[in-house]
Protein backbone atom coordinates (compact mmCIF):
# COMPACT_ATOMS: atom_id res chain seq x y z
CA MET A 1 -7.79 -97.32 13.56
CA ALA A 2 -4.12 -97.60 12.74
CA ARG A 3 -2.84 -95.56 9.88
CA MET A 4 -0.82 -98.11 8.05
CA ARG A 5 1.41 -96.98 5.39
CA ILE A 6 4.26 -98.36 3.16
CA ASP A 7 7.72 -96.94 3.75
CA LYS A 8 7.54 -94.20 0.99
CA GLU A 9 4.22 -93.08 2.32
CA VAL A 10 5.54 -92.88 5.87
CA ILE A 11 8.60 -90.70 4.74
CA ALA A 12 6.24 -88.62 2.52
CA GLU A 13 4.06 -87.82 5.50
CA LEU A 14 7.20 -86.98 7.75
CA THR A 15 8.70 -84.77 5.17
CA ALA A 16 5.24 -82.91 4.62
CA LYS A 17 5.28 -82.21 8.49
CA ASP A 18 9.01 -81.24 8.31
CA PRO A 19 10.51 -80.50 5.06
CA SER A 20 14.12 -80.57 6.67
CA THR A 21 13.79 -84.01 8.02
CA ARG A 22 16.82 -86.29 7.55
CA PHE A 23 14.89 -89.62 8.41
CA THR A 24 15.09 -91.86 5.43
CA ARG A 25 13.52 -95.06 4.08
CA HIS A 26 16.79 -96.70 4.80
CA ALA A 27 16.52 -95.67 8.36
CA LEU A 28 13.00 -96.65 8.72
CA ARG A 29 13.72 -100.12 7.21
CA THR A 30 16.69 -100.51 9.42
CA LEU A 31 14.65 -99.86 12.59
CA ALA A 32 11.97 -102.25 11.45
CA ILE A 33 14.58 -105.02 10.79
CA ASN A 34 16.17 -104.39 14.20
CA GLY A 35 12.76 -104.74 15.87
CA GLU A 36 12.63 -101.17 17.21
CA ILE A 37 9.48 -100.20 15.06
CA PRO A 38 6.87 -102.89 14.28
CA PHE A 39 5.57 -103.59 10.95
CA VAL A 40 3.16 -105.96 9.29
CA ARG A 41 4.27 -107.95 6.10
CA VAL A 42 1.63 -107.96 3.32
CA GLY A 43 3.15 -110.01 0.48
CA THR A 44 6.41 -108.38 -0.26
CA ARG A 45 5.45 -104.96 1.44
CA ARG A 46 5.97 -103.91 4.98
CA LEU A 47 3.23 -101.69 6.49
CA TYR A 48 4.16 -99.49 9.24
CA ASP A 49 1.74 -97.70 11.69
CA LEU A 50 2.44 -93.98 11.18
CA ASP A 51 1.38 -93.14 14.59
CA LEU A 52 3.91 -95.57 16.07
CA VAL A 53 6.55 -94.24 13.81
CA GLU A 54 6.04 -90.62 14.91
CA LYS A 55 5.87 -91.73 18.63
CA TYR A 56 9.21 -93.67 18.25
CA LEU A 57 10.83 -90.51 16.73
CA ALA A 58 9.40 -88.33 19.58
CA GLY A 59 10.83 -90.72 22.16
CA GLU A 60 7.37 -91.89 23.43
CA TYR A 61 7.55 -95.45 21.89
CA VAL A 62 9.79 -98.33 23.20
CA ALA A 63 9.55 -101.57 21.30
CA GLN A 64 8.27 -104.53 23.00
CA PRO A 65 10.70 -107.56 23.38
CA ILE A 66 9.89 -110.47 20.82
CA LYS A 67 9.18 -113.63 22.59
CA GLU A 68 11.89 -116.27 21.90
CA SER A 69 10.76 -119.71 20.56
CA THR A 70 11.61 -122.34 23.15
CA SER A 71 12.08 -124.98 20.19
CA HIS A 72 14.41 -122.96 18.19
CA GLY A 73 17.75 -124.68 17.47
CA LYS A 74 16.81 -127.96 18.74
CA ILE A 75 16.57 -131.30 16.89
CA ARG A 76 13.09 -132.65 16.52
CA ARG A 77 11.93 -136.03 15.45
CA LEU A 78 10.56 -136.45 12.10
CA HIS A 79 7.54 -138.71 11.62
CA GLY A 80 6.82 -140.32 8.21
């Protein structure tokens, strides 16, 4: 089962393992927005899989490319 955490909890867990870490909430959010770390949006919060974040930081996880929509940017007919 995935260990899903909000950004503050991810940073707290990483800091508990390494008190000298310089990895911040801002860095985590930036990686998520850039698609390098996956997240699940629940309401206004983002949930991160703690195991995937740790793998990413260890260099063991590479983000999967997001499939581009084929209809993006095209004009579509409206029915009504």
